Amino acid sequence: MDVGAAQAVWDFLNAGGVLGVLVFVLWAVYSGKLVTRREFDDLKEDRDRWRESSLRATDLSDRALLEAERRGFETSRRSSSENHTT
């Protein structure tokens, strides 16, 4: 936020008093700039569940590729020159 906009908000809050603060808080909640603590915690838990799921899926695919290579199958992890036989 630039200085002019910050000054305009400050002037609005000073002129409006409690009503100005209430309107500002309602606007912030409505526009999504201010969220409740419960909503924030829910979003954080959801983010952590997605991250954990992604890491588990990545780990599972890495283990599958390693097992395939151990059994002698060619995988995309090897360079293309290793995959071509002459």
Protein backbone atom coordinates (compact mmCIF):
# COMPACT_ATOMS: atom_id res chain seq x y z
CA MET A 1 0.00 0.00 0.00
CA ASP A 2 1.46 3.36 -0.94
CA VAL A 3 1.75 6.29 1.50
CA GLY A 4 -1.23 8.15 0.05
CA ALA A 5 -3.55 5.17 0.44
CA ALA A 6 -2.31 4.52 3.97
CA GLN A 7 -2.91 8.15 4.88
CA ALA A 8 -6.42 8.01 3.41
CA VAL A 9 -7.23 4.91 5.49
CA TRP A 10 -5.80 6.57 8.60
CA ASP A 11 -7.86 9.72 8.01
CA PHE A 12 -11.00 7.66 7.44
CA LEU A 13 -10.48 5.72 10.67
CA ASN A 14 -9.81 8.88 12.67
CA ALA A 15 -12.85 10.68 11.25
CA GLY A 16 -15.17 7.71 11.67
CA GLY A 17 -14.12 6.65 15.15
CA VAL A 18 -15.57 3.35 16.30
CA LEU A 19 -17.94 3.18 13.36
CA GLY A 20 -15.02 3.67 10.96
CA VAL A 21 -13.07 0.86 12.59
CA LEU A 22 -16.10 -1.42 12.46
CA VAL A 23 -16.67 -0.66 8.77
CA PHE A 24 -12.98 -1.25 8.08
CA VAL A 25 -13.00 -4.63 9.87
CA LEU A 26 -16.16 -5.71 8.06
CA TRP A 27 -14.65 -4.68 4.73
CA ALA A 28 -11.44 -6.61 5.53
CA VAL A 29 -13.40 -9.76 6.43
CA TYR A 30 -15.64 -9.45 3.37
CA SER A 31 -12.71 -8.94 0.99
CA GLY A 32 -10.77 -11.86 2.49
CA LYS A 33 -7.93 -9.75 3.84
CA LEU A 34 -8.86 -10.67 7.42
CA VAL A 35 -9.78 -14.23 8.42
CA THR A 36 -10.77 -15.74 11.72
CA ARG A 37 -8.27 -17.79 13.68
CA ARG A 38 -10.38 -20.94 13.25
CA GLU A 39 -10.50 -20.44 9.48
CA PHE A 40 -6.74 -19.87 9.40
CA ASP A 41 -6.08 -23.03 11.44
CA ASP A 42 -8.40 -25.06 9.18
CA LEU A 43 -6.54 -23.84 6.10
CA LYS A 44 -3.20 -24.65 7.70
CA GLU A 45 -4.33 -28.19 8.58
CA ASP A 46 -5.66 -28.69 5.05
CA ARG A 47 -2.34 -27.50 3.59
CA ASP A 48 -0.42 -29.89 5.84
CA ARG A 49 -2.64 -32.84 4.85
CA TRP A 50 -2.09 -32.11 1.15
CA ARG A 51 1.66 -31.76 1.70
CA GLU A 52 1.84 -35.05 3.60
CA SER A 53 -0.21 -36.81 0.93
CA SER A 54 2.04 -35.45 -1.81
CA LEU A 55 5.18 -36.54 -0.02
CA ARG A 56 3.75 -40.03 0.55
CA ALA A 57 2.84 -40.34 -3.14
CA THR A 58 6.29 -39.17 -4.21
CA ASP A 59 7.97 -41.60 -1.83
CA LEU A 60 5.79 -44.45 -3.08
CA SER A 61 6.59 -43.72 -6.74
CA ASP A 62 10.31 -43.45 -5.98
CA ARG A 63 10.26 -46.81 -4.21
CA ALA A 64 8.38 -48.36 -7.15
CA LEU A 65 10.95 -47.04 -9.63
CA LEU A 66 13.84 -48.31 -7.52
CA GLU A 67 12.21 -51.74 -7.26
CA ALA A 68 11.61 -51.83 -11.03
CA GLU A 69 15.24 -50.92 -11.69
CA ARG A 70 16.37 -53.57 -9.21
CA ARG A 71 14.36 -56.17 -11.12
CA GLY A 72 15.94 -55.09 -14.39
CA PHE A 73 13.20 -52.99 -15.97
CA GLU A 74 14.20 -49.84 -17.80
CA THR A 75 12.69 -46.71 -16.33
CA SER A 76 12.64 -43.05 -17.33
CA ARG A 77 15.11 -42.34 -14.50
CA ARG A 78 17.92 -43.65 -16.69
CA SER A 79 19.36 -41.41 -19.36
CA SER A 80 18.06 -41.82 -22.89
CA SER A 81 21.44 -43.09 -24.11
CA GLU A 82 21.26 -45.96 -21.63
CA ASN A 83 17.78 -46.92 -22.83
CA HIS A 84 18.81 -47.28 -26.50
CA THR A 85 20.58 -50.42 -27.62
CA THR A 86 22.56 -50.54 -30.82
